[in-house]
């Protein structure tokens, strides 16, 4: 029996050796070494400080018809472009009894007697009396030295009558700042002229608030396109007209193909083309920039339209202006001469980047 088991074991070992010997192949092994997945950084500094620690911007002794300013410079010190948002938060109103004057007392229907006011109806909303102006300027270097102005936007003007009370707690998009670039933010606060009663009921009132800046990576929110009141180099492009004509572009910031969804609102019924306007950002490219790149078509019907899709561009789109024009071009082709028709065009409210993953 032992001989039989030994023989079977020997046969098994020999068989295994024969099977291994028959598995001979031509082979080649290649190895990609040192592959790295790294996350970029999102970081901004304001007026040369990071974190921004300045407090106590003071607009003192304001009176109707007067204007004061709060300006600062934002520097993108991260490795990625950022979409910058500004929010006015934490509004705190003050109208203490000890500072009430006789004119304020009377304007608030109180009784003035022996140097003090009683039974007044306190009006504590001075933010409804302050118009807000906002402009931004984008520089490709330090604006205090060699930085060059390459993009700009007027978001609100005094004539828009945008009050601080409307902006409270509402994030406001300022634009995109490429890595290493700077944005000047210029704000004005104008206490409006009003009737005598309205002027007096705000005597000695005060308002404090926080200015909060948020830098986001691209692609978190849709890119908004607006019709602009004025578009010319050397001036300010007025963006937010509040007329309900706009578009929102959602896209994948990095991929092998440019994948997008565009929604259009308030525009005349027609077929439009989304383009990357060919502008070197210094105004030197003569109109009509015939090398602009068509990205997508969208048809508007009944005042709105939507389109989704993808296109192989074979290129990056860096620091790009994005327009929607009322002309039809084949996606992926250059536009040739454009027709200037600003009432039927929408323009970027911030520059855009797209990165081709194959490049």
Protein backbone atom coordinates (compact mmCIF):
# COMPACT_ATOMS: atom_id res chain seq x y z
CA UNK A 1 0.00 0.00 0.00
CA UNK A 2 2.80 2.38 0.89
CA UNK A 3 4.38 1.70 -2.50
CA UNK A 4 1.10 2.52 -4.23
CA UNK A 5 0.74 5.85 -2.34
CA UNK A 6 4.36 6.73 -3.01
CA UNK A 7 3.88 5.99 -6.70
CA UNK A 8 0.74 8.15 -6.86
CA UNK A 9 2.54 11.01 -5.07
CA UNK A 10 5.44 10.75 -7.49
CA UNK A 11 3.08 10.81 -10.46
CA UNK A 12 1.36 13.89 -9.05
CA UNK A 13 4.61 15.76 -8.59
CA UNK A 14 5.81 14.86 -12.06
CA UNK A 15 2.44 15.91 -13.54
CA UNK A 16 2.62 19.25 -11.81
CA UNK A 17 6.10 19.80 -13.17
CA UNK A 18 5.00 18.94 -16.69
CA UNK A 19 2.03 21.39 -16.45
CA UNK A 20 4.34 24.16 -15.30
CA UNK A 21 6.76 23.45 -18.08
CA UNK A 22 4.02 23.79 -20.71
CA UNK A 23 3.14 27.37 -19.52
CA UNK A 24 6.06 29.13 -21.24
CA UNK A 25 5.18 32.51 -22.88
CA UNK A 26 6.89 35.46 -24.51
CA UNK A 27 6.45 38.23 -21.93
CA UNK A 28 7.29 41.87 -21.42
CA UNK A 29 6.62 44.04 -18.38
CA UNK A 30 6.54 47.82 -18.41
CA UNK A 31 6.12 49.89 -15.26
CA UNK A 32 5.12 53.52 -14.87
CA UNK A 33 6.80 54.73 -11.70
CA UNK A 34 6.40 57.82 -9.61
CA UNK A 35 2.76 58.51 -10.48
CA UNK A 36 1.36 61.26 -8.30
CA UNK A 37 -2.14 62.41 -7.44
CA UNK A 38 -1.94 65.81 -5.78
CA UNK A 39 -4.62 68.26 -4.72
CA UNK A 40 -4.23 71.91 -5.61
CA UNK A 41 -4.81 74.75 -3.19
CA UNK A 42 -7.48 77.43 -2.90
CA UNK A 43 -6.20 80.41 -0.91
CA UNK A 44 -6.65 84.17 -1.07
CA UNK A 45 -5.13 87.09 0.79
CA UNK A 46 -6.59 90.57 1.13
CA UNK A 47 -4.53 93.76 1.21
CA UNK A 48 -1.43 91.64 1.74
CA UNK A 49 -2.75 89.80 4.81
CA UNK A 50 -3.75 86.15 5.16
CA UNK A 51 -5.96 85.71 7.05
CA UNK A 52 -7.63 89.08 6.53
CA UNK A 53 -7.66 90.62 9.97
CA UNK A 54 -8.57 94.22 9.24
CA UNK A 55 -11.62 95.45 11.10
CA UNK A 56 -13.34 98.74 11.61
CA UNK A 57 -13.82 100.24 8.17
CA UNK A 58 -15.57 103.41 9.35
CA UNK A 59 -17.94 105.51 7.29
CA UNK A 60 -18.30 108.32 9.78
CA UNK A 61 -20.69 111.24 10.13
CA UNK A 62 -22.55 110.38 6.92
CA UNK A 63 -25.33 112.68 5.74
CA UNK A 64 -27.82 112.51 2.84
CA UNK A 65 -26.15 112.96 -0.58
CA UNK A 66 -22.70 111.99 0.77
CA UNK A 67 -20.64 109.05 -0.51
CA UNK A 68 -17.80 107.11 1.10
CA UNK A 69 -15.69 104.16 -0.03
CA UNK A 70 -14.32 100.80 1.08
CA UNK A 71 -11.70 99.42 -1.34
CA UNK A 72 -9.37 96.45 -1.07
CA UNK A 73 -7.20 94.15 -3.22
CA UNK A 74 -7.60 90.37 -3.30
CA UNK A 75 -4.58 88.26 -4.31
CA UNK A 76 -4.98 84.61 -5.31
CA UNK A 77 -2.02 82.98 -3.55
CA UNK A 78 -3.24 79.43 -4.19
CA UNK A 79 -2.33 77.14 -7.08
CA UNK A 80 -5.79 77.15 -8.68
CA UNK A 81 -8.05 79.86 -10.08
CA UNK A 82 -10.85 80.89 -7.72
CA UNK A 83 -14.34 82.23 -8.17
CA UNK A 84 -14.67 85.07 -5.68
CA UNK A 85 -17.88 85.88 -3.81
CA UNK A 86 -18.56 88.72 -1.39
CA UNK A 87 -21.30 88.76 1.24
CA UNK A 88 -22.37 91.53 3.60
CA UNK A 89 -23.35 89.85 6.86
CA UNK A 90 -24.14 90.40 10.53
CA UNK A 91 -25.96 93.70 10.18
CA UNK A 92 -26.29 95.45 13.55
CA UNK A 93 -28.35 98.60 13.91
CA UNK A 94 -27.98 101.24 16.59
CA UNK A 95 -30.30 104.14 17.44
CA UNK A 96 -29.77 104.75 21.18
CA UNK A 97 -32.10 107.00 23.11
CA UNK A 98 -29.28 109.17 24.42
CA UNK A 99 -28.34 110.35 20.93
CA UNK A 100 -31.85 111.21 19.71
CA UNK A 101 -32.22 114.83 18.60
CA UNK A 102 -35.33 116.93 18.53
CA UNK A 103 -35.64 116.73 14.71
CA UNK A 104 -35.29 112.92 14.85
CA UNK A 105 -37.85 112.72 17.65
CA UNK A 106 -40.37 114.73 15.66
CA UNK A 107 -39.71 112.76 12.46
CA UNK A 108 -40.41 109.56 14.40
CA UNK A 109 -43.67 111.01 15.80
CA UNK A 110 -42.35 111.27 19.33
CA UNK A 111 -42.74 113.96 21.99
CA UNK A 112 -39.75 116.18 22.72
CA UNK A 113 -39.64 117.63 26.21
CA UNK A 114 -36.88 118.83 28.50
CA UNK A 115 -34.15 117.58 26.18
CA UNK A 116 -35.44 114.04 25.75
CA UNK A 117 -37.80 112.14 23.47
CA UNK A 118 -40.66 109.90 24.48
CA UNK A 119 -43.16 107.71 22.64
CA UNK A 120 -41.29 107.77 19.36
CA UNK A 121 -41.64 105.03 16.78
CA UNK A 122 -38.04 104.05 16.31
CA UNK A 123 -36.91 103.75 12.69
CA UNK A 124 -33.88 101.47 12.68
CA UNK A 125 -33.28 100.57 9.04
CA UNK A 126 -30.66 102.98 7.75
CA UNK A 127 -29.50 100.27 5.32
CA UNK A 128 -32.59 101.07 3.23
CA UNK A 129 -31.20 104.57 2.68
CA UNK A 130 -27.74 103.62 1.37
CA UNK A 131 -27.07 103.00 -2.33
CA UNK A 132 -24.29 100.56 -3.10
CA UNK A 133 -21.88 100.79 -6.06
CA UNK A 134 -19.46 98.00 -6.98
CA UNK A 135 -16.67 97.70 -9.54
CA UNK A 136 -13.95 95.06 -9.93
CA UNK A 137 -10.66 95.13 -11.85
CA UNK A 138 -8.56 92.06 -12.62
CA UNK A 139 -4.75 92.39 -12.92
CA UNK A 140 -2.19 89.81 -14.04
CA UNK A 141 0.28 91.11 -11.46
CA UNK A 142 0.48 93.44 -8.50
CA UNK A 143 -1.57 96.51 -9.49
CA UNK A 144 0.65 98.70 -7.32
CA UNK A 145 3.68 97.89 -9.50
CA UNK A 146 3.81 96.13 -12.88
CA UNK A 147 0.43 94.42 -12.92
CA UNK A 148 -1.65 95.03 -16.05
CA UNK A 149 -5.41 95.57 -16.09
CA UNK A 150 -6.84 92.75 -18.21
CA UNK A 151 -10.55 92.48 -17.27
CA UNK A 152 -13.06 94.68 -15.48
CA UNK A 153 -16.69 94.87 -14.55
CA UNK A 154 -19.13 97.40 -13.12
CA UNK A 155 -21.65 95.33 -11.22
CA UNK A 156 -23.75 98.10 -9.67
CA UNK A 157 -23.89 101.84 -10.24
CA UNK A 158 -25.61 104.45 -8.12
CA UNK A 159 -28.36 104.79 -10.70
CA UNK A 160 -29.35 101.15 -10.11
CA UNK A 161 -30.57 102.18 -6.64
CA UNK A 162 -29.36 98.93 -5.08
CA UNK A 163 -29.70 99.31 -1.32
CA UNK A 164 -27.59 97.63 1.35
CA UNK A 165 -30.78 96.09 2.72
CA UNK A 166 -31.21 94.12 -0.54
CA UNK A 167 -27.65 92.76 -0.43
CA UNK A 168 -27.77 91.61 3.18
CA UNK A 169 -26.67 87.94 3.45
CA UNK A 170 -26.73 87.47 -0.34
CA UNK A 171 -23.46 86.16 -1.86
CA UNK A 172 -22.42 88.38 -4.76
CA UNK A 173 -20.19 87.00 -7.51
CA UNK A 174 -17.19 89.25 -8.23
CA UNK A 175 -15.43 87.17 -10.90
CA UNK A 176 -12.64 84.64 -11.37
CA UNK A 177 -9.06 85.29 -10.25
CA UNK A 178 -6.41 83.11 -11.93
CA UNK A 179 -3.63 81.76 -9.71
CA UNK A 180 -1.21 84.52 -8.84
CA UNK A 181 -3.43 87.31 -10.14
CA UNK A 182 -5.04 90.23 -8.28
CA UNK A 183 -8.50 91.76 -8.13
CA UNK A 184 -9.26 95.29 -6.99
CA UNK A 185 -12.67 95.57 -5.37
CA UNK A 186 -14.07 99.10 -5.37
CA UNK A 187 -17.17 99.79 -3.28
CA UNK A 188 -19.04 103.01 -2.61
CA UNK A 189 -21.78 103.72 -0.09
CA UNK A 190 -24.05 106.67 -0.90
CA UNK A 191 -26.60 107.95 1.61
CA UNK A 192 -29.42 108.98 -0.68
CA UNK A 193 -31.33 112.25 -0.71
CA UNK A 194 -34.82 111.91 0.73
CA UNK A 195 -37.64 113.96 2.16
CA UNK A 196 -36.90 116.08 5.22
CA UNK A 197 -38.67 113.61 7.52
CA UNK A 198 -36.70 110.70 6.09
CA UNK A 199 -33.47 112.61 6.51
CA UNK A 200 -34.17 113.47 10.13
CA UNK A 201 -35.35 110.08 11.35
CA UNK A 202 -31.91 108.67 10.57
CA UNK A 203 -29.97 111.28 12.50
CA UNK A 204 -27.36 109.67 14.76
CA UNK A 205 -28.30 106.14 13.58
CA UNK A 206 -25.48 103.72 12.82
CA UNK A 207 -24.99 100.40 11.09
CA UNK A 208 -22.19 97.87 11.40
CA UNK A 209 -21.67 94.82 9.18
CA UNK A 210 -19.07 92.26 8.14
CA UNK A 211 -17.58 91.87 4.66
CA UNK A 212 -17.03 88.15 4.01
CA UNK A 213 -15.00 86.97 1.02
CA UNK A 214 -15.27 83.37 -0.18
CA UNK A 215 -12.96 81.83 -2.78
CA UNK A 216 -14.35 78.72 -4.48
CA UNK A 217 -12.81 76.28 -6.91
CA UNK A 218 -14.20 76.50 -10.43
CA UNK A 219 -17.22 74.40 -11.27
CA UNK A 220 -18.94 74.53 -7.88
CA UNK A 221 -21.59 76.89 -9.25
CA UNK A 222 -22.81 77.66 -12.74
CA UNK A 223 -21.07 80.41 -14.72
CA UNK A 224 -23.54 83.22 -15.29
CA UNK A 225 -23.73 85.20 -18.53
CA UNK A 226 -25.47 88.58 -18.61
CA UNK A 227 -26.29 91.23 -21.18
CA UNK A 228 -24.15 94.28 -20.61
CA UNK A 229 -25.08 97.89 -20.96
CA UNK A 230 -21.66 98.99 -22.14
CA UNK A 231 -18.78 96.96 -23.58
CA UNK A 232 -15.68 98.86 -24.59
CA UNK A 233 -12.00 98.66 -23.79
CA UNK A 234 -10.83 101.30 -21.34
CA UNK A 235 -14.25 101.73 -19.74
CA UNK A 236 -16.35 99.66 -17.39
CA UNK A 237 -18.70 96.95 -18.53
CA UNK A 238 -21.98 97.22 -16.69
CA UNK A 239 -23.16 93.72 -16.01
CA UNK A 240 -26.18 93.27 -13.81
CA UNK A 241 -29.06 95.00 -15.58
CA UNK A 242 -31.80 93.12 -13.75
CA UNK A 243 -33.86 92.65 -16.90
CA UNK A 244 -34.21 88.87 -16.69
CA UNK A 245 -31.96 88.16 -19.69
CA UNK A 246 -29.22 85.75 -18.67
CA UNK A 247 -27.80 82.26 -19.07
CA UNK A 248 -26.16 79.75 -16.75
CA UNK A 249 -23.39 77.44 -17.96
CA UNK A 250 -22.56 74.32 -15.98
CA UNK A 251 -19.55 72.37 -17.18
CA UNK A 252 -16.93 69.86 -16.03
CA UNK A 253 -13.76 71.83 -15.43
CA UNK A 254 -11.38 68.98 -16.31
CA UNK A 255 -12.18 66.03 -18.55
CA UNK A 256 -11.29 64.43 -21.87
CA UNK A 257 -14.19 66.25 -23.52
CA UNK A 258 -15.91 69.55 -22.77
CA UNK A 259 -19.18 68.47 -21.15
CA UNK A 260 -21.76 71.18 -20.58
CA UNK A 261 -25.33 72.18 -19.81
CA UNK A 262 -26.52 75.67 -20.71
CA UNK A 263 -29.83 77.21 -19.67
CA UNK A 264 -30.99 80.47 -21.24
CA UNK A 265 -33.67 82.80 -19.90
CA UNK A 266 -35.44 85.89 -21.22
CA UNK A 267 -33.84 85.97 -24.68
CA UNK A 268 -35.66 86.35 -27.99
CA UNK A 269 -36.67 83.09 -29.68
CA UNK A 270 -33.86 81.98 -31.96
CA UNK A 271 -30.86 79.65 -32.16
CA UNK A 272 -27.76 80.88 -30.36
CA UNK A 273 -24.14 79.76 -30.17
CA UNK A 274 -22.01 79.63 -27.06
CA UNK A 275 -18.52 80.83 -27.98
CA UNK A 276 -15.13 81.30 -26.41
CA UNK A 277 -14.47 84.86 -27.52
CA UNK A 278 -10.95 85.19 -28.89
CA UNK A 279 -9.59 88.08 -26.84
CA UNK A 280 -6.03 88.26 -25.49
CA UNK A 281 -7.49 90.29 -22.58
CA UNK A 282 -5.68 93.46 -23.45
CA UNK A 283 -7.97 94.90 -26.11
CA UNK A 284 -5.41 94.39 -28.90
CA UNK A 285 -7.44 91.84 -30.85
CA UNK A 286 -9.37 93.79 -33.49
CA UNK A 287 -13.10 93.34 -33.74
CA UNK A 288 -14.67 91.02 -34.77
CA UNK A 289 -12.11 88.48 -33.43
CA UNK A 290 -12.63 85.91 -36.21
CA UNK A 291 -10.81 83.13 -34.34
CA UNK A 292 -13.48 82.81 -31.65
CA UNK A 293 -14.35 79.17 -30.96
CA UNK A 294 -17.92 77.82 -31.15
CA UNK A 295 -18.71 75.51 -28.23
CA UNK A 296 -22.42 74.68 -28.37
CA UNK A 297 -25.77 75.60 -29.91
CA UNK A 298 -28.96 76.25 -27.96
CA UNK A 299 -32.44 77.04 -29.24
CA UNK A 300 -34.63 79.46 -27.33
CA UNK A 301 -38.39 79.03 -27.60
CA UNK A 302 -40.92 80.89 -25.50
CA UNK A 303 -38.14 82.92 -23.89
CA UNK A 304 -36.08 80.02 -22.57
CA UNK A 305 -33.90 77.20 -23.83
CA UNK A 306 -31.59 74.47 -22.66
CA UNK A 307 -28.90 72.31 -24.24
CA UNK A 308 -26.57 69.61 -22.93
CA UNK A 309 -23.78 67.71 -24.61
CA UNK A 310 -20.05 67.26 -24.99
CA UNK A 311 -17.45 68.18 -27.56
CA UNK A 312 -13.81 67.21 -28.09
CA UNK A 313 -11.86 70.46 -28.14
CA UNK A 314 -8.31 69.12 -28.02
CA UNK A 315 -7.21 72.23 -26.15
CA UNK A 316 -7.42 74.03 -22.86
CA UNK A 317 -9.57 77.12 -22.44
CA UNK A 318 -7.61 79.38 -20.10
CA UNK A 319 -8.77 82.74 -18.72
CA UNK A 320 -11.51 82.66 -21.33
CA UNK A 321 -14.33 85.06 -22.07
CA UNK A 322 -17.56 83.17 -22.78
CA UNK A 323 -20.34 84.75 -24.86
CA UNK A 324 -23.72 83.68 -26.17
CA UNK A 325 -24.39 85.16 -29.63
CA UNK A 326 -27.48 85.16 -31.83
CA UNK A 327 -25.75 83.47 -34.72
CA UNK A 328 -25.38 79.82 -35.68
CA UNK A 329 -21.92 78.26 -35.87
CA UNK A 330 -20.85 74.63 -35.90
CA UNK A 331 -19.47 73.58 -32.49
CA UNK A 332 -15.73 73.06 -32.72
CA UNK A 333 -15.30 75.53 -35.57
CA UNK A 334 -14.15 79.14 -35.50
CA UNK A 335 -16.84 81.74 -35.90
CA UNK A 336 -15.46 84.03 -38.54
CA UNK A 337 -16.71 87.64 -38.33
CA UNK A 338 -19.24 88.23 -35.58
CA UNK A 339 -22.22 90.55 -35.80
CA UNK A 340 -22.25 93.14 -33.02
CA UNK A 341 -25.75 92.95 -31.54
CA UNK A 342 -25.43 93.51 -27.76
CA UNK A 343 -29.17 93.40 -27.09
CA UNK A 344 -29.14 89.80 -28.32
CA UNK A 345 -25.83 88.75 -26.77
CA UNK A 346 -24.84 87.60 -23.31
CA UNK A 347 -21.37 88.04 -21.82
CA UNK A 348 -19.29 86.45 -19.07
CA UNK A 349 -19.43 87.81 -15.54
CA UNK A 350 -16.11 86.13 -14.80
CA UNK A 351 -13.38 84.40 -16.78
CA UNK A 352 -13.52 80.63 -17.29
CA UNK A 353 -10.98 77.79 -17.35
CA UNK A 354 -11.41 74.33 -18.89
CA UNK A 355 -8.61 71.74 -18.82
CA UNK A 356 -8.36 68.94 -21.39
CA UNK A 357 -7.34 65.82 -19.45
CA UNK A 358 -5.50 64.40 -22.47
CA UNK A 359 -3.07 67.32 -22.72
